[in-house]
């Protein structure tokens, strides 16, 4: 006997109509889908952080190289 709680009222799925059971199944499917999407968003957020960090490092390298180039030219 599975139970589901809606608005603080507990329902026994065994006592539900076929249509109500179908709605519960759809709700469960939707919850699972939303969890998958949350996981995908977490992956995308992690990738974004990695890309930002990689960009920062690249820009720092470029700044360091530009500084070296300017220093070499000023010595000439």
N, C-alpha and C. Protein backbone atom coordinates (compact mmCIF):
# COMPACT_ATOMS: atom_id res chain seq x y z
N UNK A 1 0.83 -1.19 0.00
CA UNK A 1 0.00 0.00 0.00
C UNK A 1 0.87 1.25 0.00
N UNK A 2 0.98 1.89 -1.12
CA UNK A 2 1.74 3.14 -1.21
C UNK A 2 0.85 4.30 -0.80
N UNK A 3 1.48 5.25 -0.17
CA UNK A 3 0.74 6.43 0.28
C UNK A 3 1.36 7.65 -0.36
N UNK A 4 0.53 8.65 -0.58
CA UNK A 4 0.99 9.92 -1.12
C UNK A 4 0.34 11.02 -0.29
N UNK A 5 1.13 12.07 -0.02
CA UNK A 5 0.64 13.18 0.79
C UNK A 5 0.51 14.42 -0.08
N UNK A 6 -0.69 14.99 -0.08
CA UNK A 6 -0.97 16.20 -0.84
C UNK A 6 -1.67 17.19 0.09
N UNK A 7 -1.10 18.38 0.23
CA UNK A 7 -1.67 19.40 1.12
C UNK A 7 -1.93 18.85 2.52
N UNK A 8 -0.95 18.14 3.05
CA UNK A 8 -1.02 17.57 4.41
C UNK A 8 -2.12 16.51 4.59
N UNK A 9 -2.62 15.99 3.48
CA UNK A 9 -3.60 14.90 3.55
C UNK A 9 -2.96 13.68 2.91
N UNK A 10 -2.97 12.56 3.62
CA UNK A 10 -2.36 11.34 3.12
C UNK A 10 -3.42 10.48 2.41
N UNK A 11 -3.05 10.00 1.24
CA UNK A 11 -3.94 9.17 0.43
C UNK A 11 -3.27 7.83 0.18
N UNK A 12 -4.06 6.78 0.18
CA UNK A 12 -3.59 5.44 -0.14
C UNK A 12 -3.83 5.21 -1.62
N UNK A 13 -2.76 4.94 -2.34
CA UNK A 13 -2.90 4.79 -3.80
C UNK A 13 -3.75 3.57 -4.16
N UNK A 14 -3.84 2.61 -3.26
CA UNK A 14 -4.66 1.42 -3.53
C UNK A 14 -6.14 1.79 -3.66
N UNK A 15 -6.54 2.86 -3.00
CA UNK A 15 -7.95 3.27 -3.01
C UNK A 15 -8.27 4.25 -4.12
N UNK A 16 -7.27 4.62 -4.92
CA UNK A 16 -7.48 5.62 -5.96
C UNK A 16 -8.06 5.00 -7.22
N UNK A 17 -8.74 5.85 -7.98
CA UNK A 17 -9.26 5.43 -9.29
C UNK A 17 -8.08 5.24 -10.23
N UNK A 18 -8.33 4.59 -11.35
CA UNK A 18 -7.28 4.40 -12.34
C UNK A 18 -6.76 5.75 -12.85
N UNK A 19 -7.67 6.70 -13.01
CA UNK A 19 -7.26 8.03 -13.48
C UNK A 19 -6.36 8.71 -12.44
N UNK A 20 -6.72 8.60 -11.16
CA UNK A 20 -5.89 9.19 -10.11
C UNK A 20 -4.53 8.51 -10.06
N UNK A 21 -4.50 7.20 -10.22
CA UNK A 21 -3.22 6.47 -10.24
C UNK A 21 -2.36 6.93 -11.42
N UNK A 22 -2.99 7.20 -12.55
CA UNK A 22 -2.27 7.69 -13.72
C UNK A 22 -1.68 9.07 -13.43
N UNK A 23 -2.43 9.90 -12.71
CA UNK A 23 -1.93 11.23 -12.35
C UNK A 23 -0.74 11.12 -11.40
N UNK A 24 -0.80 10.17 -10.47
CA UNK A 24 0.33 9.93 -9.55
C UNK A 24 1.55 9.49 -10.34
N UNK A 25 1.35 8.60 -11.30
CA UNK A 25 2.46 8.13 -12.13
C UNK A 25 3.07 9.29 -12.91
N UNK A 26 2.21 10.16 -13.44
CA UNK A 26 2.70 11.32 -14.18
C UNK A 26 3.48 12.25 -13.26
N UNK A 27 2.98 12.43 -12.06
CA UNK A 27 3.66 13.27 -11.08
C UNK A 27 5.02 12.69 -10.72
N UNK A 28 5.10 11.39 -10.54
CA UNK A 28 6.38 10.74 -10.23
C UNK A 28 7.36 10.88 -11.39
N UNK A 29 6.86 10.71 -12.60
CA UNK A 29 7.70 10.87 -13.78
C UNK A 29 8.25 12.29 -13.85
N UNK A 30 7.35 13.27 -13.59
CA UNK A 30 7.75 14.66 -13.61
C UNK A 30 8.80 14.96 -12.55
N UNK A 31 8.64 14.44 -11.36
CA UNK A 31 9.63 14.64 -10.29
C UNK A 31 10.99 14.08 -10.69
N UNK A 32 10.99 12.89 -11.29
CA UNK A 32 12.24 12.28 -11.73
C UNK A 32 12.90 13.13 -12.81
N UNK A 33 12.09 13.65 -13.72
CA UNK A 33 12.61 14.49 -14.80
C UNK A 33 13.20 15.78 -14.24
N UNK A 34 12.52 16.38 -13.28
CA UNK A 34 13.03 17.60 -12.67
C UNK A 34 14.34 17.34 -11.94
N UNK A 35 14.47 16.20 -11.30
CA UNK A 35 15.74 15.83 -10.63
C UNK A 35 16.86 15.68 -11.64
N UNK A 36 16.56 15.05 -12.79
CA UNK A 36 17.57 14.92 -13.83
C UNK A 36 18.01 16.31 -14.33
N UNK A 37 17.04 17.20 -14.51
CA UNK A 37 17.37 18.55 -14.97
C UNK A 37 18.21 19.29 -13.93
N UNK A 38 17.90 19.13 -12.66
CA UNK A 38 18.70 19.76 -11.60
C UNK A 38 20.14 19.24 -11.66
N UNK A 39 20.28 17.94 -11.88
CA UNK A 39 21.62 17.35 -11.99
C UNK A 39 22.37 17.90 -13.19
N UNK A 40 21.67 18.04 -14.32
CA UNK A 40 22.31 18.60 -15.51
C UNK A 40 22.71 20.05 -15.28
N UNK A 41 21.89 20.80 -14.57
CA UNK A 41 22.22 22.19 -14.27
C UNK A 41 23.45 22.25 -13.37
N UNK A 42 23.55 21.35 -12.41
CA UNK A 42 24.73 21.31 -11.55
C UNK A 42 25.98 21.02 -12.37
N UNK A 43 25.88 20.13 -13.33
CA UNK A 43 27.01 19.83 -14.21
C UNK A 43 27.38 21.06 -15.04
N UNK A 44 26.38 21.75 -15.58
CA UNK A 44 26.63 22.94 -16.37
C UNK A 44 27.26 24.04 -15.52
N UNK A 45 26.81 24.20 -14.28
CA UNK A 45 27.39 25.19 -13.39
C UNK A 45 28.86 24.88 -13.10
N UNK A 46 29.15 23.60 -12.88
CA UNK A 46 30.53 23.19 -12.63
C UNK A 46 31.41 23.47 -13.85
N UNK A 47 30.89 23.18 -15.03
CA UNK A 47 31.64 23.45 -16.26
C UNK A 47 31.88 24.95 -16.43
N UNK A 48 30.87 25.76 -16.12
CA UNK A 48 31.01 27.21 -16.24
C UNK A 48 32.13 27.71 -15.34
N UNK A 49 32.18 27.21 -14.12
CA UNK A 49 33.23 27.61 -13.19
C UNK A 49 34.60 27.24 -13.75
N UNK A 50 34.70 26.04 -14.31
CA UNK A 50 35.98 25.60 -14.89
C UNK A 50 36.37 26.48 -16.06
N UNK A 51 35.42 26.84 -16.92
CA UNK A 51 35.72 27.69 -18.07
C UNK A 51 36.15 29.09 -17.63
N UNK A 52 35.48 29.64 -16.63
CA UNK A 52 35.85 30.96 -16.12
C UNK A 52 37.26 30.92 -15.55
N UNK A 53 37.57 29.88 -14.77
CA UNK A 53 38.91 29.76 -14.20
C UNK A 53 39.97 29.61 -15.28
N UNK A 54 39.68 28.82 -16.30
CA UNK A 54 40.63 28.65 -17.40
C UNK A 54 40.83 29.97 -18.14
N UNK A 55 39.78 30.72 -18.34
CA UNK A 55 39.89 32.02 -19.01
C UNK A 55 40.72 32.98 -18.17
N UNK A 56 40.49 33.01 -16.88
CA UNK A 56 41.28 33.88 -16.00
C UNK A 56 42.77 33.56 -16.10
N UNK A 57 43.08 32.26 -16.08
CA UNK A 57 44.49 31.86 -16.18
C UNK A 57 45.08 32.28 -17.51
N UNK A 58 44.32 32.11 -18.58
CA UNK A 58 44.82 32.49 -19.91
C UNK A 58 45.04 34.00 -19.98
N UNK A 59 44.12 34.75 -19.44
CA UNK A 59 44.27 36.21 -19.46
C UNK A 59 45.46 36.65 -18.62
N UNK A 60 45.70 35.99 -17.51
CA UNK A 60 46.87 36.31 -16.68
C UNK A 60 48.16 36.01 -17.43
N UNK A 61 48.18 34.88 -18.16
CA UNK A 61 49.37 34.54 -18.96
C UNK A 61 49.59 35.59 -20.04
N UNK A 62 48.50 36.02 -20.69
CA UNK A 62 48.63 37.04 -21.73
C UNK A 62 49.15 38.35 -21.14
N UNK A 63 48.63 38.73 -19.97
CA UNK A 63 49.10 39.95 -19.31
C UNK A 63 50.59 39.84 -18.98
N UNK A 64 51.00 38.67 -18.48
CA UNK A 64 52.41 38.47 -18.13
C UNK A 64 53.28 38.55 -19.38
N UNK A 65 52.82 37.95 -20.47
CA UNK A 65 53.58 38.00 -21.72
C UNK A 65 53.64 39.42 -22.28
N UNK A 66 52.55 40.15 -22.19
CA UNK A 66 52.53 41.54 -22.66
C UNK A 66 53.50 42.39 -21.84
N UNK A 67 53.54 42.15 -20.54
CA UNK A 67 54.45 42.90 -19.67
C UNK A 67 55.90 42.62 -20.02
N UNK A 68 56.19 41.35 -20.30
CA UNK A 68 57.56 40.98 -20.68
C UNK A 68 57.94 41.62 -22.01
N UNK A 69 57.00 41.62 -22.96
CA UNK A 69 57.25 42.19 -24.27
C UNK A 69 57.50 43.70 -24.15
N UNK A 70 56.70 44.37 -23.37
CA UNK A 70 56.86 45.82 -23.17
C UNK A 70 58.19 46.12 -22.47
N UNK A 71 58.57 45.30 -21.51
CA UNK A 71 59.83 45.51 -20.80
C UNK A 71 61.01 45.32 -21.75
N UNK A 72 60.94 44.32 -22.63
CA UNK A 72 62.02 44.07 -23.59
C UNK A 72 62.15 45.23 -24.57
N UNK A 73 61.04 45.76 -25.02
CA UNK A 73 61.08 46.88 -25.98
C UNK A 73 61.61 48.16 -25.34
N UNK A 74 61.29 48.36 -24.07
CA UNK A 74 61.76 49.59 -23.42
C UNK A 74 63.24 49.57 -23.14
N UNK A 75 63.83 48.38 -23.08
CA UNK A 75 65.29 48.27 -22.84
C UNK A 75 66.09 48.58 -24.08
N UNK A 76 65.47 48.49 -25.24
CA UNK A 76 66.20 48.70 -26.50
C UNK A 76 66.46 50.13 -26.78
